Amino acid sequence: MSNQDVCTSRKAAELLGVTPRTVQLWADSGILQSWKTPGGHRRFSLSAIERLANEIRNGDAQPVSQAGARKAGPARMLVIEDDVSLQRLYAMTVRNWGLPIELKQSTDGYQGLLELGQFEPDLLVLDLNLPNIDGFSVIEALVRQGALTQMQLMVVTALPFEQVQPRIERVSSGIEVLSKPIPFLRIRESIEKILLEETVFS
């Protein structure tokens, strides 16, 4: 591979229309193949970036070019859940709340991580038993990139609490783990708090 086929995290971010942090998240989770130089700098092949860019375009995802503080407007909520009937229930319930919420949904961990990097949600509602990349791997990738300082994470799972909590605690403390059926009241409280904080600080 020649130097012309290789680029840095910053250049990859420009080509994909996302932030360098998002590129690092995708690299850590295996979505975007990369390697490190002897000096520890991450490098990407332009062909891998082009493949991912095509996948994003085909999925009609809208890139986010700016990172940073929460943008004014509706609260952004991403649900990663593989059960299609539960996804419909999320959509119907959130719509009936009548709150200013922008809802995105993914049915597997791979697509969920793509959405995470582009959508930059205020609240991520995450199932654990997911195809392609499971919820535990999503959490590990978010922790490695320090992304949990930018969003609230709620794990909603049918797995036994005593099985889930110790495994999550080994990765990060303070992640809220809730059991199914879906705790819509708790989710709504979180959204209302996000909206209230925006009103107070705007």
Protein backbone atom coordinates (compact mmCIF):
# COMPACT_ATOMS: atom_id res chain seq x y z
CA MET A 1 0.00 0.00 0.00
CA SER A 2 1.44 3.38 -1.02
CA ASN A 3 1.39 6.52 1.10
CA GLN A 4 -1.21 7.93 -1.29
CA ASP A 5 -3.65 5.23 -0.17
CA VAL A 6 -3.21 6.05 3.54
CA CYS A 7 -4.67 8.85 5.63
CA THR A 8 -4.83 10.12 9.21
CA SER A 9 -7.80 10.16 11.60
CA ARG A 10 -8.37 13.84 10.85
CA LYS A 11 -8.42 13.30 7.09
CA ALA A 12 -10.66 10.25 7.48
CA ALA A 13 -13.07 12.37 9.52
CA GLU A 14 -13.16 15.03 6.80
CA LEU A 15 -13.84 12.44 4.10
CA LEU A 16 -16.64 10.79 6.12
CA GLY A 17 -18.18 14.05 7.33
CA VAL A 18 -17.85 13.18 11.01
CA THR A 19 -15.58 14.18 13.88
CA PRO A 20 -12.14 12.62 14.54
CA ARG A 21 -13.59 11.24 17.76
CA THR A 22 -16.24 9.38 15.78
CA VAL A 23 -13.57 7.92 13.50
CA GLN A 24 -11.70 6.69 16.59
CA LEU A 25 -14.92 5.15 17.95
CA TRP A 26 -15.56 3.32 14.68
CA ALA A 27 -11.95 2.13 14.57
CA ASP A 28 -12.04 0.86 18.17
CA SER A 29 -15.26 -1.04 17.52
CA GLY A 30 -14.00 -2.62 14.28
CA ILE A 31 -16.36 -0.78 11.94
CA LEU A 32 -13.47 0.99 10.21
CA GLN A 33 -10.26 -0.98 9.76
CA SER A 34 -7.08 0.78 10.86
CA TRP A 35 -3.58 0.18 12.14
CA LYS A 36 -1.08 2.12 14.20
CA THR A 37 2.33 3.39 13.19
CA PRO A 38 5.39 2.63 15.36
CA GLY A 39 4.81 6.07 16.88
CA GLY A 40 1.25 5.12 17.92
CA HIS A 41 -0.62 7.18 15.30
CA ARG A 42 -3.69 5.59 13.76
CA ARG A 43 -3.83 5.22 9.98
CA PHE A 44 -6.62 4.27 7.57
CA SER A 45 -6.74 3.07 3.98
CA LEU A 46 -8.67 5.29 1.61
CA SER A 47 -10.42 2.24 0.11
CA ALA A 48 -11.82 1.28 3.56
CA ILE A 49 -13.02 4.85 4.07
CA GLU A 50 -14.66 4.83 0.65
CA ARG A 51 -16.48 1.55 1.42
CA LEU A 52 -17.81 2.95 4.69
CA ALA A 53 -18.81 6.23 3.05
CA ASN A 54 -20.81 4.27 0.46
CA GLU A 55 -22.48 2.26 3.20
CA ILE A 56 -23.44 5.44 5.03
CA ARG A 57 -24.80 6.99 1.84
CA ASN A 58 -26.81 3.88 1.00
CA GLY A 59 -28.28 3.95 4.49
CA ASP A 60 -29.41 7.55 3.96
CA ALA A 61 -27.60 8.58 7.13
CA GLN A 62 -26.88 12.25 7.56
CA PRO A 63 -23.33 13.02 8.69
CA VAL A 64 -22.69 15.33 11.60
CA SER A 65 -19.72 17.57 11.01
CA GLN A 66 -19.43 19.28 14.35
CA ALA A 67 -18.84 17.87 17.82
CA GLY A 68 -19.05 19.61 21.15
CA ALA A 69 -21.81 20.93 23.34
CA ARG A 70 -25.41 19.85 22.99
CA LYS A 71 -27.12 21.54 20.06
CA ALA A 72 -30.32 23.44 20.75
CA GLY A 73 -33.54 21.87 19.52
CA PRO A 74 -35.25 18.52 20.08
CA ALA A 75 -33.70 15.99 22.44
CA ARG A 76 -31.89 13.38 20.34
CA MET A 77 -32.64 9.77 21.32
CA LEU A 78 -31.13 6.65 19.78
CA VAL A 79 -32.58 3.20 20.48
CA ILE A 80 -30.48 0.14 19.61
CA GLU A 81 -32.83 -2.85 19.87
CA ASP A 82 -33.05 -5.90 17.60
CA ASP A 83 -36.70 -6.75 18.30
CA VAL A 84 -38.70 -5.02 15.54
CA SER A 85 -41.96 -5.14 17.52
CA LEU A 86 -40.24 -3.37 20.44
CA GLN A 87 -38.84 -0.78 18.03
CA ARG A 88 -42.41 -0.07 16.87
CA LEU A 89 -43.47 0.23 20.50
CA TYR A 90 -40.66 2.72 21.19
CA ALA A 91 -41.64 4.83 18.15
CA MET A 92 -45.35 4.85 19.01
CA THR A 93 -44.79 5.64 22.69
CA VAL A 94 -42.25 8.41 22.10
CA ARG A 95 -44.53 9.99 19.48
CA ASN A 96 -47.46 9.96 21.92
CA TRP A 97 -45.46 11.86 24.57
CA GLY A 98 -45.76 15.02 22.47
CA LEU A 99 -42.24 16.11 23.49
CA PRO A 100 -39.66 17.62 21.10
CA ILE A 101 -37.68 14.41 20.45
CA GLU A 102 -35.73 13.32 17.41
CA LEU A 103 -35.75 9.51 17.50
CA LYS A 104 -33.36 7.26 15.58
CA GLN A 105 -33.49 3.46 15.75
CA SER A 106 -31.03 0.68 14.92
CA THR A 107 -31.57 -3.08 15.03
CA ASP A 108 -27.96 -4.20 15.54
CA GLY A 109 -24.77 -3.00 17.19
CA TYR A 110 -22.95 -2.29 13.93
CA GLN A 111 -25.59 0.06 12.55
CA GLY A 112 -26.06 1.48 16.03
CA LEU A 113 -22.41 2.52 16.23
CA LEU A 114 -22.66 4.15 12.81
CA GLU A 115 -25.71 6.10 13.99
CA LEU A 116 -23.99 7.00 17.26
CA GLY A 117 -21.11 8.66 15.46
CA GLN A 118 -23.32 10.62 13.09
CA PHE A 119 -26.37 11.41 15.22
CA GLU A 120 -24.58 12.19 18.52
CA PRO A 121 -27.61 11.41 20.73
CA ASP A 122 -28.36 12.98 24.09
CA LEU A 123 -29.80 9.65 25.25
CA LEU A 124 -28.81 6.18 24.10
CA VAL A 125 -31.17 3.33 25.01
CA LEU A 126 -29.22 0.11 24.46
CA ASP A 127 -30.21 -3.55 24.39
CA LEU A 128 -27.36 -5.98 25.11
CA ASN A 129 -28.25 -9.11 23.15
CA LEU A 130 -27.68 -7.72 19.64
CA PRO A 131 -26.54 -9.21 16.32
CA ASN A 132 -23.19 -8.31 14.70
CA ILE A 133 -21.78 -6.26 17.60
CA ASP A 134 -23.38 -6.88 21.00
CA GLY A 135 -24.30 -4.22 23.53
CA PHE A 136 -21.34 -4.96 25.79
CA SER A 137 -18.96 -4.25 22.90
CA VAL A 138 -20.80 -1.00 22.14
CA ILE A 139 -20.33 0.09 25.76
CA GLU A 140 -16.63 -0.80 25.71
CA ALA A 141 -16.11 1.24 22.53
CA LEU A 142 -17.94 4.23 24.03
CA VAL A 143 -15.89 4.06 27.23
CA ARG A 144 -12.59 3.83 25.33
CA GLN A 145 -13.45 7.01 23.45
CA GLY A 146 -14.80 8.88 26.48
CA ALA A 147 -18.11 9.27 24.65
CA LEU A 148 -20.25 8.76 27.77
CA THR A 149 -19.38 12.29 28.89
CA GLN A 150 -21.38 13.50 25.87
CA MET A 151 -24.53 11.42 26.33
CA GLN A 152 -26.65 9.54 28.83
CA LEU A 153 -26.70 5.75 28.48
CA MET A 154 -29.54 3.50 29.62
CA VAL A 155 -29.21 -0.25 29.22
CA VAL A 156 -32.60 -1.96 28.83
CA THR A 157 -32.28 -5.73 28.80
CA ALA A 158 -34.10 -9.00 29.39
CA LEU A 159 -30.88 -10.59 30.69
CA PRO A 160 -30.71 -11.20 34.47
CA PHE A 161 -29.51 -8.11 36.36
CA GLU A 162 -27.00 -10.11 38.41
CA GLN A 163 -25.44 -11.37 35.19
CA VAL A 164 -25.29 -7.96 33.50
CA GLN A 165 -24.35 -5.50 36.24
CA PRO A 166 -20.94 -6.93 37.26
CA ARG A 167 -19.84 -7.16 33.63
CA ILE A 168 -20.80 -3.55 32.95
CA GLU A 169 -19.27 -2.33 36.22
CA ARG A 170 -15.91 -3.77 35.13
CA VAL A 171 -16.00 -1.42 32.13
CA SER A 172 -17.57 1.69 33.66
CA SER A 173 -19.47 2.64 36.80
CA GLY A 174 -22.65 4.68 36.83
CA ILE A 175 -24.35 3.13 33.80
CA GLU A 176 -28.06 2.68 34.46
CA VAL A 177 -29.24 -0.89 33.87
CA LEU A 178 -33.00 -1.44 33.61
CA SER A 179 -35.00 -4.62 33.08
CA LYS A 180 -37.59 -5.26 30.40
CA PRO A 181 -40.48 -4.67 29.95
CA ILE A 182 -39.33 -1.29 28.65
CA PRO A 183 -39.34 1.28 31.49
CA PHE A 184 -40.93 4.07 29.46
CA LEU A 185 -41.60 6.27 32.50
CA ARG A 186 -37.89 6.29 33.40
CA ILE A 187 -36.91 7.01 29.79
CA ARG A 188 -39.36 9.90 29.61
CA GLU A 189 -37.99 11.34 32.87
CA SER A 190 -34.50 11.33 31.34
CA ILE A 191 -35.70 13.08 28.18
CA GLU A 192 -37.57 15.72 30.21
CA LYS A 193 -34.41 16.36 32.26
CA ILE A 194 -32.35 16.81 29.08
CA LEU A 195 -34.90 19.28 27.71
CA LEU A 196 -35.06 21.14 31.04
CA GLU A 197 -31.27 21.49 31.19
CA GLU A 198 -31.26 22.94 27.70
CA THR A 199 -33.88 25.51 28.76
CA VAL A 200 -31.93 26.46 31.88
CA PHE A 201 -28.55 26.83 30.17
CA SER A 202 -29.65 28.35 26.87
